[in-house]
């Protein structure tokens, strides 16, 4: 058997033998659930093992058993905690995901918010992408609002993107994306808001134009924290397709804390698969998964 094939077989066999014990998976799942609210049922075990093997290689450890010992038998967890969180959190995101929400924002929410503040000259609308991942949602919002500002000339906006994962926040700040990821961006917006490299590499990439990057800031936030260090006069908060990973009690706590940061008349937008039914928060539903604070 050629050497290259023997090496490939050895790698496959090593992975086949390299697993988290049920005890160690439960300890990791309990840690993640307690710290960031994300529930990791046993069905997620193989997925988590696959993600953690990258950390095993990065640390030069022999396998997942050694990684678990590093986490729980010494003080390795102190240094490894952010890397562990980055590895196991899901960061699915797309530009213009669930596009009807951006249509509602443009056609209904912004006009209603500006009507409430008609006595102000050039009011500043504050928009918060509360689980921003790599920034696709935040920059989608920036594109939509920048076009609207160009039409109306009667307001300003600022966008905050927050996430638990430091690695995705770094990508959001760089604002560089593979071209296939920006395919949902309408052609006119691609022309206005995306820059292409003069010498594209093997995998072509684009970057958000600096005019938009200046209007979007990113910060780390754990939604499980008891309070959030941000403004309490936010106009619109997007929290889409995140609560599905939390249990009902944590969902309600997060919603209550976020609503405290909305100004009266502000809006909370959830994912279409999510709902505020069963929470103690009283808000008026104005569109599918769109709720207004009294």
C-alpha atoms as a PDB file:
ATOM      1  CA  UNK A   1       0.000   0.000   0.000  1.00  0.00           C
ATOM      2  CA  UNK A   2       1.519   3.380  -0.980  1.00  0.00           C
ATOM      3  CA  UNK A   3       2.639   5.604   1.881  1.00  0.00           C
ATOM      4  CA  UNK A   4       0.088   8.370   1.141  1.00  0.00           C
ATOM      5  CA  UNK A   5      -2.818   5.885   1.272  1.00  0.00           C
ATOM      6  CA  UNK A   6      -1.537   4.360   4.526  1.00  0.00           C
ATOM      7  CA  UNK A   7      -1.356   7.839   6.063  1.00  0.00           C
ATOM      8  CA  UNK A   8      -4.923   8.644   4.955  1.00  0.00           C
ATOM      9  CA  UNK A   9      -6.204   5.358   6.386  1.00  0.00           C
ATOM     10  CA  UNK A  10      -4.372   6.051   9.643  1.00  0.00           C
ATOM     11  CA  UNK A  11      -6.014   9.476   9.919  1.00  0.00           C
ATOM     12  CA  UNK A  12      -9.483   7.997   9.354  1.00  0.00           C
ATOM     13  CA  UNK A  13      -8.860   5.268  11.932  1.00  0.00           C
ATOM     14  CA  UNK A  14      -7.611   7.870  14.421  1.00  0.00           C
ATOM     15  CA  UNK A  15     -10.804   9.874  14.037  1.00  0.00           C
ATOM     16  CA  UNK A  16     -12.904   6.717  14.377  1.00  0.00           C
ATOM     17  CA  UNK A  17     -11.239   6.038  17.731  1.00  0.00           C
ATOM     18  CA  UNK A  18     -11.294   9.645  18.923  1.00  0.00           C
ATOM     19  CA  UNK A  19     -14.524  10.486  20.722  1.00  0.00           C
ATOM     20  CA  UNK A  20     -15.773  12.342  23.767  1.00  0.00           C
ATOM     21  CA  UNK A  21     -16.954  10.133  26.562  1.00  0.00           C
ATOM     22  CA  UNK A  22     -20.591  10.630  27.504  1.00  0.00           C
ATOM     23  CA  UNK A  23     -19.399  12.189  30.742  1.00  0.00           C
ATOM     24  CA  UNK A  24     -17.100  14.666  29.008  1.00  0.00           C
ATOM     25  CA  UNK A  25     -19.734  15.592  26.409  1.00  0.00           C
ATOM     26  CA  UNK A  26     -22.210  16.276  29.208  1.00  0.00           C
ATOM     27  CA  UNK A  27     -19.681  18.447  31.035  1.00  0.00           C
ATOM     28  CA  UNK A  28     -19.062  20.482  27.887  1.00  0.00           C
ATOM     29  CA  UNK A  29     -22.798  20.695  27.141  1.00  0.00           C
ATOM     30  CA  UNK A  30     -23.534  21.831  30.703  1.00  0.00           C
ATOM     31  CA  UNK A  31     -20.774  24.439  30.487  1.00  0.00           C
ATOM     32  CA  UNK A  32     -22.044  25.854  27.187  1.00  0.00           C
ATOM     33  CA  UNK A  33     -25.665  25.764  28.341  1.00  0.00           C
ATOM     34  CA  UNK A  34     -24.848  27.568  31.562  1.00  0.00           C
ATOM     35  CA  UNK A  35     -22.613  30.208  30.008  1.00  0.00           C
ATOM     36  CA  UNK A  36     -24.291  31.055  26.705  1.00  0.00           C
ATOM     37  CA  UNK A  37     -27.707  29.408  26.955  1.00  0.00           C
ATOM     38  CA  UNK A  38     -27.252  27.108  23.964  1.00  0.00           C
ATOM     39  CA  UNK A  39     -28.566  23.610  24.523  1.00  0.00           C
ATOM     40  CA  UNK A  40     -26.466  20.726  23.184  1.00  0.00           C
ATOM     41  CA  UNK A  41     -28.516  17.518  23.184  1.00  0.00           C
ATOM     42  CA  UNK A  42     -26.768  14.136  22.747  1.00  0.00           C
ATOM     43  CA  UNK A  43     -27.693  14.175  19.040  1.00  0.00           C
ATOM     44  CA  UNK A  44     -25.167  17.038  18.622  1.00  0.00           C
ATOM     45  CA  UNK A  45     -22.275  14.983  19.996  1.00  0.00           C
ATOM     46  CA  UNK A  46     -20.687  13.996  16.656  1.00  0.00           C
ATOM     47  CA  UNK A  47     -20.969  17.566  15.357  1.00  0.00           C
ATOM     48  CA  UNK A  48     -19.301  18.941  18.489  1.00  0.00           C
ATOM     49  CA  UNK A  49     -16.544  16.341  18.278  1.00  0.00           C
ATOM     50  CA  UNK A  50     -15.815  17.381  14.701  1.00  0.00           C
ATOM     51  CA  UNK A  51     -15.540  21.032  15.674  1.00  0.00           C
ATOM     52  CA  UNK A  52     -13.392  20.379  18.733  1.00  0.00           C
ATOM     53  CA  UNK A  53     -10.868  18.315  16.779  1.00  0.00           C
ATOM     54  CA  UNK A  54      -9.666  21.591  15.269  1.00  0.00           C
ATOM     55  CA  UNK A  55      -8.887  22.804  18.791  1.00  0.00           C
ATOM     56  CA  UNK A  56      -7.154  19.486  19.544  1.00  0.00           C
ATOM     57  CA  UNK A  57      -4.861  20.058  16.562  1.00  0.00           C
ATOM     58  CA  UNK A  58      -4.313  23.727  17.399  1.00  0.00           C
ATOM     59  CA  UNK A  59      -3.221  22.823  20.939  1.00  0.00           C
ATOM     60  CA  UNK A  60      -1.067  19.886  19.831  1.00  0.00           C
ATOM     61  CA  UNK A  61      -3.013  17.412  21.966  1.00  0.00           C
ATOM     62  CA  UNK A  62      -3.380  13.690  21.307  1.00  0.00           C
ATOM     63  CA  UNK A  63      -7.168  13.641  21.034  1.00  0.00           C
ATOM     64  CA  UNK A  64     -10.503  14.577  22.542  1.00  0.00           C
ATOM     65  CA  UNK A  65      -9.816  12.731  25.791  1.00  0.00           C
ATOM     66  CA  UNK A  66      -6.678  14.819  26.283  1.00  0.00           C
ATOM     67  CA  UNK A  67      -8.647  17.954  25.362  1.00  0.00           C
ATOM     68  CA  UNK A  68     -11.264  17.178  28.015  1.00  0.00           C
ATOM     69  CA  UNK A  69      -8.521  16.634  30.578  1.00  0.00           C
ATOM     70  CA  UNK A  70      -7.005  19.987  29.565  1.00  0.00           C
ATOM     71  CA  UNK A  71     -10.365  21.677  30.132  1.00  0.00           C
ATOM     72  CA  UNK A  72     -11.461  20.076  33.383  1.00  0.00           C
ATOM     73  CA  UNK A  73      -8.428  18.675  35.214  1.00  0.00           C
ATOM     74  CA  UNK A  74      -6.302  21.805  35.291  1.00  0.00           C
ATOM     75  CA  UNK A  75      -6.763  25.499  34.649  1.00  0.00           C
ATOM     76  CA  UNK A  76      -6.870  25.127  30.846  1.00  0.00           C
ATOM     77  CA  UNK A  77     -10.490  26.210  30.747  1.00  0.00           C
ATOM     78  CA  UNK A  78      -9.528  29.745  31.714  1.00  0.00           C
ATOM     79  CA  UNK A  79      -7.558  30.237  28.487  1.00  0.00           C
ATOM     80  CA  UNK A  80      -9.617  27.905  26.330  1.00  0.00           C
ATOM     81  CA  UNK A  81     -13.107  29.197  27.194  1.00  0.00           C
ATOM     82  CA  UNK A  82     -13.425  31.731  24.305  1.00  0.00           C
ATOM     83  CA  UNK A  83     -12.031  29.210  21.811  1.00  0.00           C
ATOM     84  CA  UNK A  84     -14.441  26.536  23.049  1.00  0.00           C
ATOM     85  CA  UNK A  85     -17.385  28.929  22.697  1.00  0.00           C
ATOM     86  CA  UNK A  86     -16.230  29.955  19.205  1.00  0.00           C
ATOM     87  CA  UNK A  87     -15.955  26.303  18.202  1.00  0.00           C
ATOM     88  CA  UNK A  88     -19.345  25.055  19.350  1.00  0.00           C
ATOM     89  CA  UNK A  89     -21.626  28.014  18.608  1.00  0.00           C
ATOM     90  CA  UNK A  90     -23.559  27.898  15.343  1.00  0.00           C
ATOM     91  CA  UNK A  91     -23.054  30.908  13.084  1.00  0.00           C
ATOM     92  CA  UNK A  92     -25.406  30.378  10.166  1.00  0.00           C
ATOM     93  CA  UNK A  93     -25.983  33.685   8.420  1.00  0.00           C
ATOM     94  CA  UNK A  94     -26.732  35.100   4.987  1.00  0.00           C
ATOM     95  CA  UNK A  95     -27.157  38.481   3.381  1.00  0.00           C
ATOM     96  CA  UNK A  96     -30.869  39.341   3.002  1.00  0.00           C
ATOM     97  CA  UNK A  97     -31.931  36.272   4.955  1.00  0.00           C
ATOM     98  CA  UNK A  98     -35.734  36.273   5.427  1.00  0.00           C
ATOM     99  CA  UNK A  99     -35.922  39.292   3.058  1.00  0.00           C
ATOM    100  CA  UNK A 100     -39.486  40.247   3.955  1.00  0.00           C
ATOM    101  CA  UNK A 101     -38.198  41.654   7.256  1.00  0.00           C
ATOM    102  CA  UNK A 102     -36.041  44.153   5.400  1.00  0.00           C
ATOM    103  CA  UNK A 103     -39.011  45.116   3.232  1.00  0.00           C
ATOM    104  CA  UNK A 104     -41.106  45.702   6.370  1.00  0.00           C
ATOM    105  CA  UNK A 105     -38.275  47.757   7.865  1.00  0.00           C
ATOM    106  CA  UNK A 106     -38.007  49.950   4.782  1.00  0.00           C
ATOM    107  CA  UNK A 107     -41.672  50.341   3.938  1.00  0.00           C
ATOM    108  CA  UNK A 108     -43.349  50.417   7.365  1.00  0.00           C
ATOM    109  CA  UNK A 109     -41.070  50.569  10.375  1.00  0.00           C
ATOM    110  CA  UNK A 110     -38.745  53.400   9.409  1.00  0.00           C
ATOM    111  CA  UNK A 111     -41.610  55.695   8.268  1.00  0.00           C
ATOM    112  CA  UNK A 112     -43.492  54.946  11.511  1.00  0.00           C
ATOM    113  CA  UNK A 113     -40.413  55.627  13.646  1.00  0.00           C
ATOM    114  CA  UNK A 114     -39.724  58.895  11.862  1.00  0.00           C
ATOM    115  CA  UNK A 115     -43.330  59.965  12.307  1.00  0.00           C
ATOM    116  CA  UNK A 116     -42.963  59.448  16.061  1.00  0.00           C
ATOM    117  CA  UNK A 117     -39.901  61.728  15.992  1.00  0.00           C
ATOM    118  CA  UNK A 118     -41.133  64.290  13.472  1.00  0.00           C
ATOM    119  CA  UNK A 119     -40.222  67.147  15.817  1.00  0.00           C
ATOM    120  CA  UNK A 120     -36.526  66.205  15.534  1.00  0.00           C
ATOM    121  CA  UNK A 121     -34.300  67.347  12.712  1.00  0.00           C
ATOM    122  CA  UNK A 122     -32.388  64.461  11.148  1.00  0.00           C
ATOM    123  CA  UNK A 123     -33.110  61.947  13.936  1.00  0.00           C
ATOM    124  CA  UNK A 124     -30.608  59.145  14.474  1.00  0.00           C
ATOM    125  CA  UNK A 125     -32.153  55.691  14.159  1.00  0.00           C
ATOM    126  CA  UNK A 126     -30.340  53.043  16.195  1.00  0.00           C
ATOM    127  CA  UNK A 127     -30.539  49.488  14.880  1.00  0.00           C
ATOM    128  CA  UNK A 128     -29.147  46.497  16.788  1.00  0.00           C
ATOM    129  CA  UNK A 129     -28.324  43.131  15.248  1.00  0.00           C
ATOM    130  CA  UNK A 130     -28.211  41.200  18.520  1.00  0.00           C
ATOM    131  CA  UNK A 131     -26.780  37.962  17.105  1.00  0.00           C
ATOM    132  CA  UNK A 132     -24.811  39.362  14.215  1.00  0.00           C
ATOM    133  CA  UNK A 133     -22.555  36.392  13.488  1.00  0.00           C
ATOM    134  CA  UNK A 134     -20.132  37.415  10.706  1.00  0.00           C
ATOM    135  CA  UNK A 135     -21.962  40.666  10.043  1.00  0.00           C
ATOM    136  CA  UNK A 136     -24.122  39.729   7.050  1.00  0.00           C
ATOM    137  CA  UNK A 137     -27.311  40.880   8.782  1.00  0.00           C
ATOM    138  CA  UNK A 138     -25.753  44.125  10.039  1.00  0.00           C
ATOM    139  CA  UNK A 139     -24.438  45.049   6.602  1.00  0.00           C
ATOM    140  CA  UNK A 140     -27.724  44.076   4.971  1.00  0.00           C
ATOM    141  CA  UNK A 141     -29.411  46.547   7.303  1.00  0.00           C
ATOM    142  CA  UNK A 142     -26.814  49.165   6.404  1.00  0.00           C
ATOM    143  CA  UNK A 143     -27.462  48.712   2.685  1.00  0.00           C
ATOM    144  CA  UNK A 144     -31.227  48.987   3.089  1.00  0.00           C
ATOM    145  CA  UNK A 145     -31.032  52.068   5.315  1.00  0.00           C
ATOM    146  CA  UNK A 146     -28.369  53.786   3.207  1.00  0.00           C
ATOM    147  CA  UNK A 147     -30.615  53.492   0.157  1.00  0.00           C
ATOM    148  CA  UNK A 148     -33.514  54.875   2.171  1.00  0.00           C
ATOM    149  CA  UNK A 149     -31.441  57.815   3.430  1.00  0.00           C
ATOM    150  CA  UNK A 150     -30.485  58.581  -0.174  1.00  0.00           C
ATOM    151  CA  UNK A 151     -34.183  58.748  -1.058  1.00  0.00           C
ATOM    152  CA  UNK A 152     -35.531  60.625   1.976  1.00  0.00           C
ATOM    153  CA  UNK A 153     -32.631  62.749   3.243  1.00  0.00           C
ATOM    154  CA  UNK A 154     -34.393  63.154   6.597  1.00  0.00           C
ATOM    155  CA  UNK A 155     -32.660  60.772   9.030  1.00  0.00           C
ATOM    156  CA  UNK A 156     -29.361  59.210  10.021  1.00  0.00           C
ATOM    157  CA  UNK A 157     -28.658  55.713  11.277  1.00  0.00           C
ATOM    158  CA  UNK A 158     -26.128  53.688  13.242  1.00  0.00           C
ATOM    159  CA  UNK A 159     -25.935  49.909  13.529  1.00  0.00           C
ATOM    160  CA  UNK A 160     -24.592  47.764  16.344  1.00  0.00           C
ATOM    161  CA  UNK A 161     -23.768  44.107  15.781  1.00  0.00           C
ATOM    162  CA  UNK A 162     -23.165  41.850  18.783  1.00  0.00           C
ATOM    163  CA  UNK A 163     -22.298  38.182  19.146  1.00  0.00           C
ATOM    164  CA  UNK A 164     -20.792  35.771  21.673  1.00  0.00           C
ATOM    165  CA  UNK A 165     -18.140  34.541  19.223  1.00  0.00           C
ATOM    166  CA  UNK A 166     -15.003  36.641  18.910  1.00  0.00           C
ATOM    167  CA  UNK A 167     -13.989  34.968  15.645  1.00  0.00           C
ATOM    168  CA  UNK A 168     -17.161  35.975  13.788  1.00  0.00           C
ATOM    169  CA  UNK A 169     -16.969  39.503  15.195  1.00  0.00           C
ATOM    170  CA  UNK A 170     -13.467  39.812  13.757  1.00  0.00           C
ATOM    171  CA  UNK A 171     -14.813  38.830  10.344  1.00  0.00           C
ATOM    172  CA  UNK A 172     -17.598  41.381  10.684  1.00  0.00           C
ATOM    173  CA  UNK A 173     -15.061  44.097  11.419  1.00  0.00           C
ATOM    174  CA  UNK A 174     -12.955  43.058   8.406  1.00  0.00           C
ATOM    175  CA  UNK A 175     -16.135  43.030   6.265  1.00  0.00           C
ATOM    176  CA  UNK A 176     -14.593  40.659   3.726  1.00  0.00           C
ATOM    177  CA  UNK A 177     -16.802  37.888   2.324  1.00  0.00           C
ATOM    178  CA  UNK A 178     -16.618  35.216  -0.384  1.00  0.00           C
ATOM    179  CA  UNK A 179     -18.498  36.297  -3.471  1.00  0.00           C
ATOM    180  CA  UNK A 180     -20.903  33.367  -3.266  1.00  0.00           C
ATOM    181  CA  UNK A 181     -22.111  34.593   0.146  1.00  0.00           C
ATOM    182  CA  UNK A 182     -23.196  37.964  -1.259  1.00  0.00           C
ATOM    183  CA  UNK A 183     -25.169  36.416  -4.125  1.00  0.00           C
ATOM    184  CA  UNK A 184     -28.534  37.339  -2.464  1.00  0.00           C
ATOM    185  CA  UNK A 185     -27.600  41.048  -2.473  1.00  0.00           C
ATOM    186  CA  UNK A 186     -29.563  42.778  -5.285  1.00  0.00           C
ATOM    187  CA  UNK A 187     -27.325  43.770  -8.228  1.00  0.00           C
ATOM    188  CA  UNK A 188     -27.810  47.514  -7.711  1.00  0.00           C
ATOM    189  CA  UNK A 189     -26.738  47.234  -4.084  1.00  0.00           C
ATOM    190  CA  UNK A 190     -23.781  45.042  -5.033  1.00  0.00           C
ATOM    191  CA  UNK A 191     -22.625  47.777  -7.383  1.00  0.00           C
ATOM    192  CA  UNK A 192     -22.978  50.502  -4.748  1.00  0.00           C
ATOM    193  CA  UNK A 193     -21.791  48.749  -1.611  1.00  0.00           C
ATOM    194  CA  UNK A 194     -19.310  45.999  -2.543  1.00  0.00           C
ATOM    195  CA  UNK A 195     -15.675  46.320  -3.611  1.00  0.00           C
ATOM    196  CA  UNK A 196     -13.935  43.611  -5.640  1.00  0.00           C
ATOM    197  CA  UNK A 197     -10.214  42.872  -5.408  1.00  0.00           C
ATOM    198  CA  UNK A 198      -8.163  44.031  -8.369  1.00  0.00           C
ATOM    199  CA  UNK A 199      -6.444  40.640  -8.413  1.00  0.00           C
ATOM    200  CA  UNK A 200      -8.934  38.059  -7.177  1.00  0.00           C
ATOM    201  CA  UNK A 201      -7.433  34.992  -5.554  1.00  0.00           C
ATOM    202  CA  UNK A 202      -8.404  31.359  -5.893  1.00  0.00           C
ATOM    203  CA  UNK A 203     -11.595  32.127  -3.986  1.00  0.00           C
ATOM    204  CA  UNK A 204     -12.893  35.556  -5.063  1.00  0.00           C
ATOM    205  CA  UNK A 205     -13.881  37.865  -2.235  1.00  0.00           C
ATOM    206  CA  UNK A 206     -15.571  41.231  -1.818  1.00  0.00           C
ATOM    207  CA  UNK A 207     -15.419  43.890   0.868  1.00  0.00           C
ATOM    208  CA  UNK A 208     -18.091  46.234   2.147  1.00  0.00           C
ATOM    209  CA  UNK A 209     -17.383  49.831   1.116  1.00  0.00           C
ATOM    210  CA  UNK A 210     -15.892  52.065   3.840  1.00  0.00           C
ATOM    211  CA  UNK A 211     -18.939  54.385   3.800  1.00  0.00           C
ATOM    212  CA  UNK A 212     -21.017  51.533   5.235  1.00  0.00           C
ATOM    213  CA  UNK A 213     -18.314  50.094   7.478  1.00  0.00           C
ATOM    214  CA  UNK A 214     -18.141  53.414   9.327  1.00  0.00           C
ATOM    215  CA  UNK A 215     -21.831  53.105  10.229  1.00  0.00           C
ATOM    216  CA  UNK A 216     -21.583  49.593  11.712  1.00  0.00           C
ATOM    217  CA  UNK A 217     -19.873  48.762  14.996  1.00  0.00           C
ATOM    218  CA  UNK A 218     -19.343  45.327  16.536  1.00  0.00           C
ATOM    219  CA  UNK A 219     -19.057  44.278  20.171  1.00  0.00           C
ATOM    220  CA  UNK A 220     -19.004  41.008  22.072  1.00  0.00           C
ATOM    221  CA  UNK A 221     -22.135  40.189  24.048  1.00  0.00           C
ATOM    222  CA  UNK A 222     -23.326  37.102  25.860  1.00  0.00           C
ATOM    223  CA  UNK A 223     -27.128  37.194  25.718  1.00  0.00           C
ATOM    224  CA  UNK A 224     -27.142  35.242  28.994  1.00  0.00           C
ATOM    225  CA  UNK A 225     -25.563  38.180  30.854  1.00  0.00           C
ATOM    226  CA  UNK A 226     -27.800  39.755  33.501  1.00  0.00           C
ATOM    227  CA  UNK A 227     -27.626  43.150  31.768  1.00  0.00           C
ATOM    228  CA  UNK A 228     -26.382  44.595  28.492  1.00  0.00           C
ATOM    229  CA  UNK A 229     -24.043  47.632  28.404  1.00  0.00           C
ATOM    230  CA  UNK A 230     -25.748  49.361  25.484  1.00  0.00           C
ATOM    231  CA  UNK A 231     -28.114  52.270  24.840  1.00  0.00           C
ATOM    232  CA  UNK A 232     -31.725  52.080  26.001  1.00  0.00           C
ATOM    233  CA  UNK A 233     -33.191  54.110  23.159  1.00  0.00           C
ATOM    234  CA  UNK A 234     -32.732  51.612  20.346  1.00  0.00           C
ATOM    235  CA  UNK A 235     -35.293  51.835  17.540  1.00  0.00           C
ATOM    236  CA  UNK A 236     -35.141  48.304  16.098  1.00  0.00           C
ATOM    237  CA  UNK A 237     -33.588  45.091  17.427  1.00  0.00           C
ATOM    238  CA  UNK A 238     -33.104  42.061  15.207  1.00  0.00           C
ATOM    239  CA  UNK A 239     -32.794  38.753  17.083  1.00  0.00           C
ATOM    240  CA  UNK A 240     -33.552  36.128  14.486  1.00  0.00           C
ATOM    241  CA  UNK A 241     -33.067  32.359  14.611  1.00  0.00           C
ATOM    242  CA  UNK A 242     -31.228  32.407  17.926  1.00  0.00           C
ATOM    243  CA  UNK A 243     -33.885  31.813  20.565  1.00  0.00           C
ATOM    244  CA  UNK A 244     -34.555  28.369  19.094  1.00  0.00           C
ATOM    245  CA  UNK A 245     -31.312  27.226  20.734  1.00  0.00           C
ATOM    246  CA  UNK A 246     -32.457  28.389  24.216  1.00  0.00           C
ATOM    247  CA  UNK A 247     -34.950  26.850  26.581  1.00  0.00           C
ATOM    248  CA  UNK A 248     -38.213  28.676  27.321  1.00  0.00           C
ATOM    249  CA  UNK A 249     -37.020  30.260  30.559  1.00  0.00           C
ATOM    250  CA  UNK A 250     -33.879  31.686  28.954  1.00  0.00           C
ATOM    251  CA  UNK A 251     -35.838  32.836  25.898  1.00  0.00           C
ATOM    252  CA  UNK A 252     -38.082  34.942  28.106  1.00  0.00           C
ATOM    253  CA  UNK A 253     -35.188  36.435  30.063  1.00  0.00           C
ATOM    254  CA  UNK A 254     -33.382  37.446  26.878  1.00  0.00           C
ATOM    255  CA  UNK A 255     -36.511  39.020  25.366  1.00  0.00           C
ATOM    256  CA  UNK A 256     -37.231  40.966  28.563  1.00  0.00           C
ATOM    257  CA  UNK A 257     -33.678  42.332  28.667  1.00  0.00           C
ATOM    258  CA  UNK A 258     -33.710  43.302  24.986  1.00  0.00           C
ATOM    259  CA  UNK A 259     -37.075  45.038  25.181  1.00  0.00           C
ATOM    260  CA  UNK A 260     -35.702  47.192  28.007  1.00  0.00           C
ATOM    261  CA  UNK A 261     -33.292  48.648  25.423  1.00  0.00           C
ATOM    262  CA  UNK A 262     -36.042  49.652  22.980  1.00  0.00           C
ATOM    263  CA  UNK A 263     -37.457  53.148  23.000  1.00  0.00           C
ATOM    264  CA  UNK A 264     -41.268  53.387  23.258  1.00  0.00           C
ATOM    265  CA  UNK A 265     -42.630  52.543  19.826  1.00  0.00           C
ATOM    266  CA  UNK A 266     -39.490  50.571  18.927  1.00  0.00           C
ATOM    267  CA  UNK A 267     -39.559  47.153  17.285  1.00  0.00           C
ATOM    268  CA  UNK A 268     -38.231  43.669  18.051  1.00  0.00           C
ATOM    269  CA  UNK A 269     -37.857  41.337  15.074  1.00  0.00           C
ATOM    270  CA  UNK A 270     -37.540  37.592  15.668  1.00  0.00           C
ATOM    271  CA  UNK A 271     -37.022  34.707  13.264  1.00  0.00           C
ATOM    272  CA  UNK A 272     -40.082  33.336  11.511  1.00  0.00           C
ATOM    273  CA  UNK A 273     -39.711  30.066  13.419  1.00  0.00           C
ATOM    274  CA  UNK A 274     -39.729  31.900  16.764  1.00  0.00           C
ATOM    275  CA  UNK A 275     -42.521  33.424  18.821  1.00  0.00           C
ATOM    276  CA  UNK A 276     -43.157  35.553  21.892  1.00  0.00           C
ATOM    277  CA  UNK A 277     -46.120  33.407  22.894  1.00  0.00           C
ATOM    278  CA  UNK A 278     -45.767  32.386  26.517  1.00  0.00           C
ATOM    279  CA  UNK A 279     -43.566  35.300  27.553  1.00  0.00           C
ATOM    280  CA  UNK A 280     -44.516  37.916  30.095  1.00  0.00           C
ATOM    281  CA  UNK A 281     -43.652  40.697  27.634  1.00  0.00           C
ATOM    282  CA  UNK A 282     -46.575  42.668  26.248  1.00  0.00           C
ATOM    283  CA  UNK A 283     -45.932  43.860  22.711  1.00  0.00           C
ATOM    284  CA  UNK A 284     -48.118  44.436  19.673  1.00  0.00           C
ATOM    285  CA  UNK A 285     -47.490  42.208  16.673  1.00  0.00           C
ATOM    286  CA  UNK A 286     -47.426  44.363  13.535  1.00  0.00           C
ATOM    287  CA  UNK A 287     -46.168  41.804  10.977  1.00  0.00           C
ATOM    288  CA  UNK A 288     -45.011  38.167  11.026  1.00  0.00           C
ATOM    289  CA  UNK A 289     -42.365  37.921  13.802  1.00  0.00           C
ATOM    290  CA  UNK A 290     -42.310  41.748  14.167  1.00  0.00           C
ATOM    291  CA  UNK A 291     -43.380  43.219  17.534  1.00  0.00           C
ATOM    292  CA  UNK A 292     -43.743  46.840  18.683  1.00  0.00           C
ATOM    293  CA  UNK A 293     -43.092  48.088  22.197  1.00  0.00           C
ATOM    294  CA  UNK A 294     -45.979  50.146  23.609  1.00  0.00           C
END
